[in-house]
N, C-alpha and C. Protein backbone atom coordinates (compact mmCIF):
# COMPACT_ATOMS: atom_id res chain seq x y z
N MET A 1 -3.19 26.49 15.68
CA MET A 1 -2.98 25.28 14.89
C MET A 1 -3.70 24.10 15.55
N THR A 2 -4.41 23.31 14.77
CA THR A 2 -5.16 22.18 15.31
C THR A 2 -4.21 21.05 15.69
N GLU A 3 -4.73 20.12 16.49
CA GLU A 3 -3.92 18.97 16.89
C GLU A 3 -3.55 18.12 15.68
N ASP A 4 -4.50 17.95 14.74
CA ASP A 4 -4.22 17.16 13.54
C ASP A 4 -3.11 17.80 12.72
N ALA A 5 -3.15 19.12 12.58
CA ALA A 5 -2.12 19.82 11.82
C ALA A 5 -0.75 19.65 12.47
N LYS A 6 -0.72 19.70 13.79
CA LYS A 6 0.55 19.51 14.51
C LYS A 6 1.10 18.11 14.28
N ILE A 7 0.21 17.12 14.27
CA ILE A 7 0.65 15.73 14.06
C ILE A 7 1.24 15.56 12.67
N VAL A 8 0.59 16.15 11.65
CA VAL A 8 1.11 16.05 10.28
C VAL A 8 2.51 16.65 10.20
N ILE A 9 2.68 17.84 10.76
CA ILE A 9 3.99 18.50 10.74
C ILE A 9 5.03 17.67 11.48
N LEU A 10 4.66 17.18 12.66
CA LEU A 10 5.57 16.39 13.48
C LEU A 10 6.00 15.11 12.76
N VAL A 11 5.04 14.41 12.18
CA VAL A 11 5.34 13.14 11.52
C VAL A 11 6.28 13.33 10.34
N PHE A 12 6.03 14.33 9.51
CA PHE A 12 6.87 14.50 8.33
C PHE A 12 8.25 15.06 8.69
N GLN A 13 8.32 15.82 9.78
CA GLN A 13 9.64 16.21 10.28
C GLN A 13 10.41 14.99 10.76
N MET A 14 9.71 14.11 11.46
CA MET A 14 10.31 12.88 11.97
C MET A 14 10.79 11.99 10.83
N LEU A 15 9.98 11.86 9.77
CA LEU A 15 10.38 11.04 8.63
C LEU A 15 11.63 11.62 7.97
N GLY A 16 11.71 12.94 7.91
CA GLY A 16 12.89 13.57 7.36
C GLY A 16 14.14 13.28 8.19
N LEU A 17 13.98 13.31 9.50
CA LEU A 17 15.10 13.01 10.40
C LEU A 17 15.53 11.55 10.27
N LEU A 18 14.55 10.65 10.13
CA LEU A 18 14.89 9.24 9.95
C LEU A 18 15.66 9.02 8.66
N GLY A 19 15.25 9.73 7.61
CA GLY A 19 15.97 9.64 6.35
C GLY A 19 17.39 10.16 6.47
N ASP A 20 17.55 11.31 7.13
CA ASP A 20 18.88 11.90 7.30
C ASP A 20 19.80 10.99 8.12
N ALA A 21 19.20 10.25 9.04
CA ALA A 21 19.99 9.36 9.91
C ALA A 21 20.22 7.98 9.30
N GLY A 22 19.68 7.75 8.10
CA GLY A 22 19.85 6.47 7.46
C GLY A 22 18.94 5.38 7.99
N GLU A 23 17.90 5.78 8.73
CA GLU A 23 16.95 4.83 9.30
C GLU A 23 15.73 4.64 8.41
N ALA A 24 15.66 5.40 7.34
CA ALA A 24 14.58 5.26 6.35
C ALA A 24 15.19 5.56 4.98
N PHE A 25 14.69 4.89 3.96
CA PHE A 25 15.26 5.04 2.63
C PHE A 25 14.19 4.74 1.58
N GLU A 26 14.38 5.25 0.38
CA GLU A 26 13.43 5.02 -0.70
C GLU A 26 13.80 3.75 -1.47
N ALA A 27 12.77 3.02 -1.86
CA ALA A 27 13.00 1.79 -2.64
C ALA A 27 11.76 1.47 -3.45
N GLU A 28 11.97 1.11 -4.71
CA GLU A 28 10.88 0.62 -5.55
C GLU A 28 10.71 -0.86 -5.27
N MET A 29 9.47 -1.27 -4.95
CA MET A 29 9.23 -2.66 -4.57
C MET A 29 8.06 -3.24 -5.32
N ASN A 30 8.25 -4.45 -5.82
CA ASN A 30 7.17 -5.18 -6.46
C ASN A 30 5.98 -5.28 -5.50
N PRO A 31 4.75 -5.10 -5.99
CA PRO A 31 3.58 -5.15 -5.10
C PRO A 31 3.52 -6.42 -4.25
N LYS A 32 4.07 -7.52 -4.75
CA LYS A 32 3.99 -8.78 -3.99
C LYS A 32 5.17 -8.96 -3.03
N GLN A 33 6.02 -7.95 -2.95
CA GLN A 33 7.03 -7.91 -1.90
C GLN A 33 6.56 -7.02 -0.74
N MET A 34 5.52 -6.26 -0.99
CA MET A 34 5.01 -5.33 0.01
C MET A 34 3.73 -5.88 0.64
N GLY A 35 3.82 -6.21 1.91
CA GLY A 35 2.65 -6.68 2.64
C GLY A 35 1.93 -5.54 3.34
N ILE A 36 1.16 -5.88 4.35
CA ILE A 36 0.41 -4.91 5.13
C ILE A 36 0.91 -4.96 6.57
N HIS A 37 1.25 -3.82 7.13
CA HIS A 37 1.73 -3.81 8.52
C HIS A 37 0.60 -4.18 9.46
N PRO A 38 0.88 -4.96 10.50
CA PRO A 38 -0.18 -5.37 11.43
C PRO A 38 -0.93 -4.22 12.08
N LYS A 39 -0.29 -3.06 12.18
CA LYS A 39 -0.95 -1.91 12.81
C LYS A 39 -1.56 -0.96 11.78
N ASN A 40 -1.56 -1.38 10.51
CA ASN A 40 -2.24 -0.59 9.50
C ASN A 40 -3.72 -0.46 9.87
N ARG A 41 -4.24 0.76 9.83
CA ARG A 41 -5.63 1.01 10.22
C ARG A 41 -5.91 0.48 11.62
N ASN A 42 -4.92 0.65 12.53
CA ASN A 42 -5.07 0.18 13.91
C ASN A 42 -5.38 -1.31 13.99
N GLY A 43 -4.87 -2.06 13.03
CA GLY A 43 -5.07 -3.49 13.04
C GLY A 43 -6.37 -3.95 12.42
N LYS A 44 -7.17 -3.03 11.92
CA LYS A 44 -8.45 -3.39 11.31
C LYS A 44 -8.21 -4.16 10.01
N LYS A 45 -8.90 -5.25 9.84
CA LYS A 45 -8.72 -6.11 8.68
C LYS A 45 -9.17 -5.41 7.40
N MET A 46 -8.31 -5.42 6.38
CA MET A 46 -8.67 -4.82 5.10
C MET A 46 -9.77 -5.64 4.43
N GLN A 47 -10.75 -4.94 3.88
CA GLN A 47 -11.86 -5.60 3.17
C GLN A 47 -11.57 -5.59 1.67
N HIS A 48 -11.71 -6.74 1.04
CA HIS A 48 -11.39 -6.81 -0.38
C HIS A 48 -12.32 -5.94 -1.22
N ALA A 49 -13.57 -5.74 -0.75
CA ALA A 49 -14.51 -4.93 -1.52
C ALA A 49 -14.04 -3.48 -1.62
N SER A 50 -13.56 -2.92 -0.52
CA SER A 50 -13.08 -1.53 -0.55
C SER A 50 -11.79 -1.43 -1.34
N MET A 51 -10.93 -2.45 -1.27
CA MET A 51 -9.69 -2.45 -2.03
C MET A 51 -9.97 -2.43 -3.53
N HIS A 52 -10.89 -3.28 -3.99
CA HIS A 52 -11.22 -3.33 -5.41
C HIS A 52 -11.96 -2.07 -5.86
N LYS A 53 -12.78 -1.50 -4.99
CA LYS A 53 -13.50 -0.27 -5.33
C LYS A 53 -12.52 0.87 -5.58
N LYS A 54 -11.52 1.00 -4.71
CA LYS A 54 -10.52 2.05 -4.89
C LYS A 54 -9.66 1.80 -6.13
N GLY A 55 -9.34 0.53 -6.36
CA GLY A 55 -8.57 0.20 -7.56
C GLY A 55 -9.32 0.53 -8.82
N MET A 56 -10.62 0.28 -8.80
CA MET A 56 -11.44 0.58 -9.97
C MET A 56 -11.45 2.08 -10.25
N LYS A 57 -11.40 2.89 -9.19
CA LYS A 57 -11.34 4.35 -9.39
C LYS A 57 -10.04 4.74 -10.09
N PHE A 58 -8.95 4.13 -9.69
CA PHE A 58 -7.68 4.39 -10.36
C PHE A 58 -7.76 4.03 -11.84
N TYR A 59 -8.32 2.88 -12.11
CA TYR A 59 -8.44 2.43 -13.49
C TYR A 59 -9.31 3.37 -14.30
N THR A 60 -10.38 3.86 -13.69
CA THR A 60 -11.36 4.69 -14.40
C THR A 60 -10.81 6.07 -14.72
N VAL A 61 -10.16 6.70 -13.74
CA VAL A 61 -9.72 8.09 -13.94
C VAL A 61 -8.31 8.20 -14.50
N GLY A 62 -7.56 7.11 -14.47
CA GLY A 62 -6.20 7.13 -14.99
C GLY A 62 -5.17 7.19 -13.89
N PHE A 63 -4.22 6.28 -13.92
CA PHE A 63 -3.23 6.15 -12.86
C PHE A 63 -1.98 6.96 -13.18
N ARG A 64 -1.49 7.71 -12.18
CA ARG A 64 -0.24 8.47 -12.31
C ARG A 64 0.67 8.16 -11.13
N LEU A 65 1.87 7.71 -11.38
CA LEU A 65 2.81 7.37 -10.33
C LEU A 65 3.15 8.55 -9.43
N GLN A 66 3.21 9.75 -10.01
CA GLN A 66 3.64 10.91 -9.25
C GLN A 66 2.67 11.29 -8.14
N LEU A 67 1.43 10.81 -8.23
CA LEU A 67 0.45 11.13 -7.20
C LEU A 67 0.48 10.13 -6.04
N CYS A 68 1.29 9.11 -6.17
CA CYS A 68 1.38 8.09 -5.12
C CYS A 68 2.86 7.82 -4.83
N GLY A 69 3.60 8.87 -4.52
CA GLY A 69 5.02 8.75 -4.29
C GLY A 69 5.35 8.36 -2.86
N SER A 70 6.64 8.45 -2.51
CA SER A 70 7.11 7.99 -1.21
C SER A 70 6.69 8.91 -0.06
N ASP A 71 6.03 10.04 -0.38
CA ASP A 71 5.47 10.86 0.70
C ASP A 71 4.15 10.29 1.19
N LYS A 72 3.57 9.37 0.42
CA LYS A 72 2.32 8.69 0.81
C LYS A 72 2.53 7.19 0.96
N ALA A 73 3.38 6.61 0.12
CA ALA A 73 3.66 5.18 0.18
C ALA A 73 4.75 4.95 1.22
N ILE A 74 4.33 4.68 2.44
CA ILE A 74 5.24 4.55 3.57
C ILE A 74 5.07 3.17 4.19
N ALA A 75 6.18 2.55 4.54
CA ALA A 75 6.13 1.17 5.06
C ALA A 75 7.27 0.93 6.03
N PHE A 76 7.12 -0.13 6.81
CA PHE A 76 8.17 -0.59 7.72
C PHE A 76 8.69 -1.94 7.23
N GLU A 77 9.99 -2.13 7.35
CA GLU A 77 10.57 -3.42 7.01
C GLU A 77 9.94 -4.52 7.85
N ASN A 78 9.84 -5.71 7.27
CA ASN A 78 9.37 -6.87 8.01
C ASN A 78 10.38 -7.22 9.11
N ASN A 79 9.87 -7.39 10.31
CA ASN A 79 10.74 -7.75 11.43
C ASN A 79 11.20 -9.20 11.25
N PRO A 80 12.51 -9.45 11.07
CA PRO A 80 12.97 -10.82 10.81
C PRO A 80 12.81 -11.75 12.01
N THR A 81 12.63 -11.18 13.19
CA THR A 81 12.48 -11.99 14.39
C THR A 81 11.03 -12.46 14.56
N THR A 82 10.09 -11.54 14.39
CA THR A 82 8.68 -11.88 14.58
C THR A 82 7.97 -12.22 13.28
N ASN A 83 8.55 -11.79 12.14
CA ASN A 83 7.93 -12.00 10.83
C ASN A 83 6.52 -11.44 10.79
N ASP A 84 6.33 -10.32 11.47
CA ASP A 84 4.99 -9.77 11.71
C ASP A 84 4.26 -9.36 10.44
N CYS A 85 4.93 -8.65 9.55
CA CYS A 85 4.25 -8.16 8.34
C CYS A 85 3.87 -9.31 7.41
N GLU A 86 4.78 -10.27 7.26
CA GLU A 86 4.47 -11.41 6.40
C GLU A 86 3.30 -12.22 6.94
N GLN A 87 3.34 -12.52 8.22
CA GLN A 87 2.30 -13.36 8.81
C GLN A 87 0.93 -12.69 8.73
N HIS A 88 0.90 -11.39 9.03
CA HIS A 88 -0.35 -10.65 8.97
C HIS A 88 -0.90 -10.64 7.55
N THR A 89 -0.03 -10.41 6.59
CA THR A 89 -0.46 -10.32 5.19
C THR A 89 -0.98 -11.65 4.66
N ILE A 90 -0.25 -12.71 4.94
CA ILE A 90 -0.67 -14.02 4.44
C ILE A 90 -1.96 -14.48 5.10
N ASN A 91 -2.12 -14.18 6.38
CA ASN A 91 -3.38 -14.52 7.06
C ASN A 91 -4.57 -13.84 6.39
N LEU A 92 -4.37 -12.59 5.98
CA LEU A 92 -5.45 -11.84 5.32
C LEU A 92 -5.68 -12.32 3.90
N THR A 93 -4.65 -12.34 3.10
CA THR A 93 -4.82 -12.58 1.67
C THR A 93 -5.20 -14.03 1.34
N SER A 94 -4.82 -14.95 2.19
CA SER A 94 -5.16 -16.35 1.93
C SER A 94 -6.63 -16.66 2.24
N SER A 95 -7.34 -15.68 2.81
CA SER A 95 -8.73 -15.90 3.19
C SER A 95 -9.71 -15.64 2.05
N SER A 96 -9.22 -15.10 0.92
CA SER A 96 -10.12 -14.74 -0.16
C SER A 96 -9.41 -14.75 -1.51
N ASN A 97 -10.09 -15.22 -2.55
CA ASN A 97 -9.55 -15.21 -3.91
C ASN A 97 -9.53 -13.81 -4.52
N TYR A 98 -10.09 -12.84 -3.82
CA TYR A 98 -10.09 -11.46 -4.29
C TYR A 98 -8.73 -10.78 -4.04
N PHE A 99 -7.91 -11.39 -3.22
CA PHE A 99 -6.56 -10.88 -2.97
C PHE A 99 -5.54 -11.66 -3.80
N ALA A 100 -4.37 -11.06 -3.98
CA ALA A 100 -3.26 -11.77 -4.60
C ALA A 100 -2.77 -12.86 -3.66
N SER A 101 -2.02 -13.79 -4.21
CA SER A 101 -1.43 -14.86 -3.42
C SER A 101 0.01 -14.48 -3.08
N TYR A 102 0.35 -14.49 -1.79
CA TYR A 102 1.69 -14.11 -1.35
C TYR A 102 2.48 -15.34 -0.93
N ALA A 103 3.73 -15.42 -1.35
CA ALA A 103 4.59 -16.55 -1.00
C ALA A 103 5.37 -16.24 0.27
N ARG A 104 5.51 -17.24 1.11
CA ARG A 104 6.30 -17.06 2.32
C ARG A 104 7.76 -16.81 1.95
N GLY A 105 8.34 -15.84 2.63
CA GLY A 105 9.72 -15.47 2.37
C GLY A 105 9.88 -14.36 1.36
N ALA A 106 8.77 -13.97 0.71
CA ALA A 106 8.86 -12.94 -0.34
C ALA A 106 8.57 -11.54 0.18
N ILE A 107 7.88 -11.43 1.30
CA ILE A 107 7.44 -10.13 1.79
C ILE A 107 8.57 -9.43 2.55
N ARG A 108 8.93 -8.26 2.08
CA ARG A 108 10.04 -7.52 2.67
C ARG A 108 9.60 -6.44 3.64
N ALA A 109 8.34 -6.01 3.54
CA ALA A 109 7.89 -4.89 4.37
C ALA A 109 6.38 -4.89 4.49
N GLY A 110 5.88 -4.02 5.37
CA GLY A 110 4.44 -3.89 5.56
C GLY A 110 4.03 -2.43 5.48
N SER A 111 3.03 -2.14 4.69
CA SER A 111 2.62 -0.76 4.42
C SER A 111 1.77 -0.17 5.53
N VAL A 112 1.93 1.15 5.73
CA VAL A 112 1.02 1.92 6.58
C VAL A 112 0.37 3.04 5.76
N GLY A 113 0.82 3.22 4.53
CA GLY A 113 0.22 4.16 3.59
C GLY A 113 0.10 3.48 2.23
N CYS A 114 -0.89 3.86 1.44
CA CYS A 114 -1.12 3.29 0.11
C CYS A 114 -1.35 1.77 0.15
N SER A 115 -1.90 1.28 1.26
CA SER A 115 -2.08 -0.16 1.42
C SER A 115 -3.13 -0.72 0.46
N HIS A 116 -4.27 -0.04 0.34
CA HIS A 116 -5.31 -0.50 -0.58
C HIS A 116 -4.79 -0.51 -2.02
N LEU A 117 -4.08 0.55 -2.38
CA LEU A 117 -3.55 0.63 -3.74
C LEU A 117 -2.59 -0.51 -4.02
N ASN A 118 -1.66 -0.76 -3.10
CA ASN A 118 -0.68 -1.81 -3.35
C ASN A 118 -1.34 -3.18 -3.44
N GLN A 119 -2.35 -3.43 -2.60
CA GLN A 119 -3.04 -4.71 -2.67
C GLN A 119 -3.79 -4.87 -3.99
N TRP A 120 -4.32 -3.77 -4.51
CA TRP A 120 -4.99 -3.85 -5.81
C TRP A 120 -3.98 -4.12 -6.92
N LEU A 121 -2.83 -3.47 -6.87
CA LEU A 121 -1.79 -3.71 -7.88
C LEU A 121 -1.35 -5.17 -7.85
N ALA A 122 -1.23 -5.74 -6.67
CA ALA A 122 -0.87 -7.15 -6.54
C ALA A 122 -1.97 -8.04 -7.10
N ALA A 123 -3.22 -7.65 -6.84
CA ALA A 123 -4.36 -8.42 -7.36
C ALA A 123 -4.39 -8.38 -8.88
N VAL A 124 -4.07 -7.23 -9.47
CA VAL A 124 -4.01 -7.12 -10.93
C VAL A 124 -2.88 -7.99 -11.47
N GLN A 125 -1.74 -7.96 -10.83
CA GLN A 125 -0.60 -8.77 -11.27
C GLN A 125 -0.95 -10.26 -11.26
N ASP A 126 -1.70 -10.67 -10.26
CA ASP A 126 -2.05 -12.08 -10.10
C ASP A 126 -3.28 -12.50 -10.91
N GLY A 127 -4.05 -11.50 -11.39
CA GLY A 127 -5.30 -11.84 -12.04
C GLY A 127 -6.31 -12.39 -11.04
N ALA A 128 -6.42 -11.72 -9.90
CA ALA A 128 -7.31 -12.17 -8.84
C ALA A 128 -8.78 -11.99 -9.22
N GLN A 129 -9.65 -12.58 -8.45
CA GLN A 129 -11.08 -12.46 -8.68
C GLN A 129 -11.54 -11.03 -8.40
N THR A 130 -12.55 -10.56 -9.13
CA THR A 130 -13.09 -9.23 -8.93
C THR A 130 -14.58 -9.22 -9.28
N ASP A 131 -15.29 -8.24 -8.75
CA ASP A 131 -16.71 -8.08 -9.08
C ASP A 131 -16.92 -7.07 -10.21
N TYR A 132 -15.82 -6.50 -10.73
CA TYR A 132 -15.91 -5.47 -11.77
C TYR A 132 -15.67 -6.11 -13.14
N GLU A 133 -16.75 -6.28 -13.88
CA GLU A 133 -16.68 -6.94 -15.18
C GLU A 133 -15.78 -6.20 -16.16
N THR A 134 -15.69 -4.88 -16.00
CA THR A 134 -14.87 -4.06 -16.89
C THR A 134 -13.41 -4.50 -16.88
N LEU A 135 -12.96 -5.08 -15.77
CA LEU A 135 -11.56 -5.48 -15.64
C LEU A 135 -11.30 -6.90 -16.13
N CYS A 136 -12.35 -7.57 -16.58
CA CYS A 136 -12.24 -8.99 -16.95
C CYS A 136 -12.47 -9.21 -18.44
N GLU A 137 -12.03 -10.35 -18.93
CA GLU A 137 -12.44 -10.78 -20.25
C GLU A 137 -13.91 -11.18 -20.18
N HIS A 138 -14.58 -11.14 -21.33
CA HIS A 138 -16.01 -11.43 -21.37
C HIS A 138 -16.32 -12.81 -20.77
N GLY A 139 -17.26 -12.80 -19.83
CA GLY A 139 -17.69 -14.06 -19.22
C GLY A 139 -16.80 -14.56 -18.10
N LYS A 140 -15.70 -13.85 -17.82
CA LYS A 140 -14.78 -14.28 -16.76
C LYS A 140 -14.99 -13.43 -15.50
N THR A 141 -14.48 -13.93 -14.39
CA THR A 141 -14.62 -13.21 -13.12
C THR A 141 -13.26 -12.86 -12.51
N ASN A 142 -12.20 -13.11 -13.25
CA ASN A 142 -10.86 -12.75 -12.78
C ASN A 142 -10.32 -11.57 -13.59
N ILE A 143 -9.52 -10.75 -12.94
CA ILE A 143 -8.93 -9.59 -13.60
C ILE A 143 -8.07 -10.04 -14.78
N CYS A 144 -8.24 -9.38 -15.91
CA CYS A 144 -7.38 -9.61 -17.07
C CYS A 144 -6.25 -8.60 -17.00
N THR A 145 -5.09 -9.04 -16.57
CA THR A 145 -3.96 -8.14 -16.35
C THR A 145 -3.62 -7.36 -17.61
N ARG A 146 -3.54 -8.04 -18.73
CA ARG A 146 -3.18 -7.39 -19.99
C ARG A 146 -4.16 -6.27 -20.32
N HIS A 147 -5.44 -6.54 -20.14
CA HIS A 147 -6.47 -5.55 -20.45
C HIS A 147 -6.37 -4.33 -19.53
N VAL A 148 -6.11 -4.56 -18.26
CA VAL A 148 -6.09 -3.45 -17.28
C VAL A 148 -4.93 -2.50 -17.54
N VAL A 149 -3.75 -3.02 -17.88
CA VAL A 149 -2.58 -2.16 -18.04
C VAL A 149 -2.43 -1.61 -19.45
N GLU A 150 -3.20 -2.11 -20.39
CA GLU A 150 -3.07 -1.70 -21.79
C GLU A 150 -3.29 -0.20 -21.94
N GLY A 151 -2.33 0.47 -22.57
CA GLY A 151 -2.45 1.90 -22.84
C GLY A 151 -2.05 2.80 -21.69
N ASN A 152 -1.61 2.23 -20.57
CA ASN A 152 -1.18 3.04 -19.43
C ASN A 152 0.16 2.51 -18.94
N ASP A 153 1.24 3.10 -19.45
CA ASP A 153 2.58 2.63 -19.12
C ASP A 153 2.89 2.76 -17.64
N GLU A 154 2.36 3.81 -17.01
CA GLU A 154 2.65 4.02 -15.59
C GLU A 154 1.95 2.98 -14.73
N LEU A 155 0.73 2.61 -15.10
CA LEU A 155 0.03 1.56 -14.37
C LEU A 155 0.74 0.22 -14.58
N GLU A 156 1.18 -0.03 -15.80
CA GLU A 156 1.90 -1.27 -16.08
C GLU A 156 3.16 -1.37 -15.22
N ARG A 157 3.88 -0.26 -15.12
CA ARG A 157 5.09 -0.25 -14.29
C ARG A 157 4.75 -0.51 -12.82
N ALA A 158 3.67 0.13 -12.35
CA ALA A 158 3.27 -0.05 -10.96
C ALA A 158 2.88 -1.49 -10.68
N VAL A 159 2.18 -2.13 -11.62
CA VAL A 159 1.72 -3.51 -11.43
C VAL A 159 2.90 -4.47 -11.38
N PHE A 160 3.88 -4.30 -12.26
CA PHE A 160 4.94 -5.29 -12.38
C PHE A 160 6.23 -4.91 -11.66
N LYS A 161 6.43 -3.62 -11.39
CA LYS A 161 7.65 -3.20 -10.68
C LYS A 161 7.34 -2.58 -9.33
N GLY A 162 6.17 -1.95 -9.21
CA GLY A 162 5.75 -1.44 -7.91
C GLY A 162 5.90 0.06 -7.75
N LEU A 163 5.45 0.53 -6.59
CA LEU A 163 5.55 1.93 -6.22
C LEU A 163 6.93 2.21 -5.63
N LYS A 164 7.25 3.51 -5.53
CA LYS A 164 8.45 3.91 -4.83
C LYS A 164 8.05 4.20 -3.38
N TRP A 165 8.61 3.43 -2.47
CA TRP A 165 8.24 3.48 -1.05
C TRP A 165 9.29 4.19 -0.21
N LEU A 166 8.83 4.78 0.90
CA LEU A 166 9.74 5.17 1.96
C LEU A 166 9.72 4.02 2.96
N LEU A 167 10.82 3.30 3.06
CA LEU A 167 10.92 2.15 3.95
C LEU A 167 11.63 2.56 5.24
N ILE A 168 10.98 2.29 6.35
CA ILE A 168 11.56 2.57 7.66
C ILE A 168 12.09 1.27 8.23
N LYS A 169 13.28 1.30 8.78
CA LYS A 169 13.90 0.07 9.29
C LYS A 169 13.07 -0.52 10.42
N TRP A 170 13.04 -1.84 10.47
CA TRP A 170 12.18 -2.55 11.42
C TRP A 170 12.53 -2.24 12.87
N GLN A 171 13.81 -1.93 13.12
CA GLN A 171 14.23 -1.64 14.50
C GLN A 171 13.53 -0.40 15.06
N ILE A 172 13.16 0.53 14.17
CA ILE A 172 12.48 1.75 14.63
C ILE A 172 11.10 1.42 15.18
N ALA A 173 10.39 0.50 14.52
CA ALA A 173 9.07 0.10 15.00
C ALA A 173 9.16 -0.64 16.33
N VAL A 174 10.25 -1.36 16.55
CA VAL A 174 10.45 -2.04 17.83
C VAL A 174 10.69 -1.03 18.94
N GLU A 175 11.50 -0.02 18.63
CA GLU A 175 11.83 0.99 19.63
C GLU A 175 10.68 1.95 19.88
N TYR A 176 9.92 2.23 18.83
CA TYR A 176 8.79 3.16 18.94
C TYR A 176 7.54 2.48 18.38
N PRO A 177 6.92 1.60 19.15
CA PRO A 177 5.81 0.77 18.64
C PRO A 177 4.57 1.55 18.24
N GLU A 178 4.42 2.78 18.70
CA GLU A 178 3.25 3.58 18.32
C GLU A 178 3.46 4.37 17.03
N LEU A 179 4.68 4.33 16.50
CA LEU A 179 4.98 5.13 15.31
C LEU A 179 4.16 4.74 14.09
N PRO A 180 3.96 3.45 13.79
CA PRO A 180 3.13 3.11 12.62
C PRO A 180 1.73 3.74 12.68
N GLN A 181 1.11 3.73 13.85
CA GLN A 181 -0.23 4.31 13.99
C GLN A 181 -0.18 5.83 13.88
N LEU A 182 0.89 6.43 14.38
CA LEU A 182 1.03 7.89 14.31
C LEU A 182 1.19 8.33 12.85
N ILE A 183 2.00 7.60 12.09
CA ILE A 183 2.16 7.91 10.67
C ILE A 183 0.84 7.75 9.94
N GLN A 184 0.13 6.67 10.25
CA GLN A 184 -1.15 6.43 9.61
C GLN A 184 -2.12 7.57 9.90
N ARG A 185 -2.12 8.06 11.13
CA ARG A 185 -3.02 9.16 11.49
C ARG A 185 -2.71 10.40 10.67
N ALA A 186 -1.42 10.70 10.50
CA ALA A 186 -1.03 11.87 9.71
C ALA A 186 -1.46 11.71 8.26
N LEU A 187 -1.28 10.51 7.71
CA LEU A 187 -1.69 10.26 6.33
C LEU A 187 -3.21 10.37 6.18
N ASN A 188 -3.94 9.93 7.19
CA ASN A 188 -5.40 10.03 7.14
C ASN A 188 -5.87 11.48 7.13
N VAL A 189 -5.17 12.34 7.86
CA VAL A 189 -5.52 13.76 7.86
C VAL A 189 -5.37 14.32 6.46
N GLU A 190 -4.24 14.00 5.80
CA GLU A 190 -4.01 14.46 4.43
C GLU A 190 -5.05 13.87 3.48
N HIS A 191 -5.40 12.62 3.74
CA HIS A 191 -6.40 11.94 2.91
C HIS A 191 -7.73 12.69 2.94
N HIS A 192 -8.14 13.14 4.12
CA HIS A 192 -9.45 13.77 4.25
C HIS A 192 -9.48 15.20 3.70
N VAL A 193 -8.32 15.86 3.68
CA VAL A 193 -8.32 17.24 3.18
C VAL A 193 -7.84 17.33 1.74
N GLY A 194 -7.33 16.22 1.20
CA GLY A 194 -6.79 16.23 -0.16
C GLY A 194 -7.87 16.40 -1.21
N GLU A 195 -7.41 16.76 -2.38
CA GLU A 195 -8.32 16.91 -3.52
C GLU A 195 -7.85 16.01 -4.65
N GLY A 196 -8.80 15.57 -5.50
CA GLY A 196 -8.46 14.74 -6.65
C GLY A 196 -8.37 13.28 -6.28
N TYR A 197 -8.02 12.47 -7.27
CA TYR A 197 -8.06 11.04 -7.04
C TYR A 197 -6.90 10.53 -6.22
N CYS A 198 -5.90 11.39 -5.94
CA CYS A 198 -4.81 10.94 -5.09
C CYS A 198 -5.33 10.60 -3.69
N CYS A 199 -6.54 11.05 -3.37
CA CYS A 199 -7.11 10.75 -2.06
C CYS A 199 -7.45 9.27 -1.90
N ILE A 200 -7.45 8.49 -2.96
CA ILE A 200 -7.89 7.10 -2.82
C ILE A 200 -6.71 6.15 -2.67
N CYS A 201 -5.51 6.70 -2.47
CA CYS A 201 -4.35 5.84 -2.33
C CYS A 201 -4.43 4.90 -1.14
N TYR A 202 -5.04 5.36 -0.05
CA TYR A 202 -5.00 4.62 1.19
C TYR A 202 -6.01 3.53 1.20
């Protein structure tokens, strides 16, 4: 068994144990309540171009909620002491009109999986700027929310109500600070070996 395979098995066993112990739970969250964890992608800043490119793929091939469930949409609660997830998210999203606008006090958690997808859903909800004319009204440069969700009830639900997340309590990240990166590594392994458009969730 390869090291990557061992990590995937270990991480998902660990997530199961956290759930059994009440340290992780499932919750549907509005895209604008879900920020980005500071250790997402090892702290690498998300680029709006890649976020919109992946979102456009979802729009083109058709969005299905079942392909982006809580086995991929994984996040940590915002630490109320450091406010780490909120601060990181607002610092990023306020730098460009291509991201949604996040209000202080609204962010409940930070994603380590499905981060690009959630940011795109938030951008659609807000009608953020985009380079994809297909998503806009004629002559405009901002996403037309009504146009994007029209005819796709599951995408509409995701935009306005959000994905179903596995939320890990913030105290776990304090006790095990390397866990967000370990989870991300396991998700990346699945991302690279996966088939179909579910691979673009991250």
